[in-house]
Protein backbone atom coordinates (compact mmCIF):
# COMPACT_ATOMS: atom_id res chain seq x y z
CA UNK A 1 0.00 0.00 0.00
CA UNK A 2 1.05 3.59 -0.51
CA UNK A 3 1.31 6.42 2.01
CA UNK A 4 -2.06 7.92 1.11
CA UNK A 5 -3.77 4.51 1.33
CA UNK A 6 -2.11 3.75 4.67
CA UNK A 7 -3.17 7.05 6.21
CA UNK A 8 -6.76 6.50 5.10
CA UNK A 9 -6.83 2.86 6.22
CA UNK A 10 -5.39 3.68 9.66
CA UNK A 11 -7.83 6.56 10.13
CA UNK A 12 -10.83 4.49 9.11
CA UNK A 13 -9.76 1.47 11.18
CA UNK A 14 -9.95 3.72 14.25
CA UNK A 15 -13.34 5.12 13.23
CA UNK A 16 -11.92 8.63 12.92
CA UNK A 17 -13.27 11.20 10.50
CA UNK A 18 -10.89 13.41 8.59
CA UNK A 19 -11.98 16.21 10.93
CA UNK A 20 -11.12 14.07 13.99
CA UNK A 21 -7.65 13.27 12.68
CA UNK A 22 -7.04 16.86 11.63
CA UNK A 23 -7.98 18.07 15.09
CA UNK A 24 -5.70 15.53 16.78
CA UNK A 25 -2.76 16.57 14.59
CA UNK A 26 -3.45 20.31 14.58
CA UNK A 27 -3.98 20.56 10.83
CA UNK A 28 -6.97 21.24 8.61
CA UNK A 29 -9.41 18.65 7.27
CA UNK A 30 -8.24 19.73 3.82
CA UNK A 31 -4.69 18.61 4.67
CA UNK A 32 -5.95 15.13 5.61
CA UNK A 33 -8.05 15.00 2.43
CA UNK A 34 -5.08 16.06 0.31
CA UNK A 35 -2.84 13.40 1.87
CA UNK A 36 -5.44 10.67 1.42
CA UNK A 37 -6.14 11.67 -2.19
CA UNK A 38 -2.40 11.80 -2.93
CA UNK A 39 -2.58 15.47 -3.91
CA UNK A 40 0.22 16.43 -1.51
CA UNK A 41 2.52 14.57 0.87
CA UNK A 42 2.81 15.32 4.58
CA UNK A 43 6.05 16.93 5.69
CA UNK A 44 8.69 14.77 7.36
CA UNK A 45 7.69 16.26 10.72
CA UNK A 46 4.05 15.42 10.05
CA UNK A 47 4.98 11.91 8.89
CA UNK A 48 6.62 11.36 12.27
CA UNK A 49 3.58 12.78 14.07
CA UNK A 50 1.29 10.47 12.07
CA UNK A 51 3.46 7.46 12.94
CA UNK A 52 3.37 8.34 16.64
CA UNK A 53 -0.37 9.01 16.58
CA UNK A 54 -1.13 5.65 14.96
CA UNK A 55 1.64 3.76 16.84
CA UNK A 56 3.24 2.56 13.62
CA UNK A 57 6.66 3.09 12.07
CA UNK A 58 7.31 5.65 9.37
CA UNK A 59 8.36 2.71 7.19
CA UNK A 60 4.90 1.23 7.70
CA UNK A 61 3.25 4.50 6.69
CA UNK A 62 5.44 4.69 3.59
CA UNK A 63 4.59 1.12 2.62
CA UNK A 64 8.14 -0.15 3.13
CA UNK A 65 7.34 -2.45 6.07
CA UNK A 66 4.05 -4.27 6.52
CA UNK A 67 4.74 -5.55 10.04
CA UNK A 68 2.17 -4.52 12.61
CA UNK A 69 2.94 -3.66 16.19
CA UNK A 70 1.08 -3.54 19.46
CA UNK A 71 1.98 -0.84 21.98
CA UNK A 72 3.00 -2.66 25.16
CA UNK A 73 4.70 0.07 27.16
CA UNK A 74 3.43 0.19 30.72
CA UNK A 75 2.20 -3.41 30.83
CA UNK A 76 3.40 -5.77 33.53
CA UNK A 77 5.30 -8.98 32.77
CA UNK A 78 2.14 -10.90 33.70
CA UNK A 79 0.07 -8.88 31.22
CA UNK A 80 2.70 -9.37 28.50
CA UNK A 81 2.70 -13.12 29.10
CA UNK A 82 -1.09 -13.15 28.85
CA UNK A 83 -1.03 -11.23 25.55
CA UNK A 84 1.67 -13.56 24.21
CA UNK A 85 -0.50 -16.57 25.11
CA UNK A 86 -3.52 -15.04 23.37
CA UNK A 87 -1.48 -14.39 20.22
CA UNK A 88 -0.21 -17.97 20.36
CA UNK A 89 -3.76 -19.27 20.66
CA UNK A 90 -4.88 -17.20 17.67
CA UNK A 91 -1.96 -18.44 15.58
CA UNK A 92 -2.51 -22.00 16.76
CA UNK A 93 0.78 -22.19 18.64
CA UNK A 94 1.59 -21.65 22.27
CA UNK A 95 4.31 -18.98 22.32
CA UNK A 96 4.69 -19.07 26.12
CA UNK A 97 6.18 -22.58 25.97
CA UNK A 98 8.60 -21.92 23.12
């Protein structure tokens, strides 16, 4: 996917309107629309702000890396083990006993 598609997909997956995202980033709705329609590209500073807002890498936004991440900062070791077990169950493997 391309930058404009990734921005739109991330926004929609979080049920945000263009107005909501614009407000969160301190830009206009028109800026969001222009990015999503590939009329203009966000600045490098804004690319970083988008990545932080969506908890993804800039490489992900640019379509260079399709790995997805889950923000785990602030979780206890017990909570992390629980999440790891859930992921293992979903994948059909038990990652806690690897």
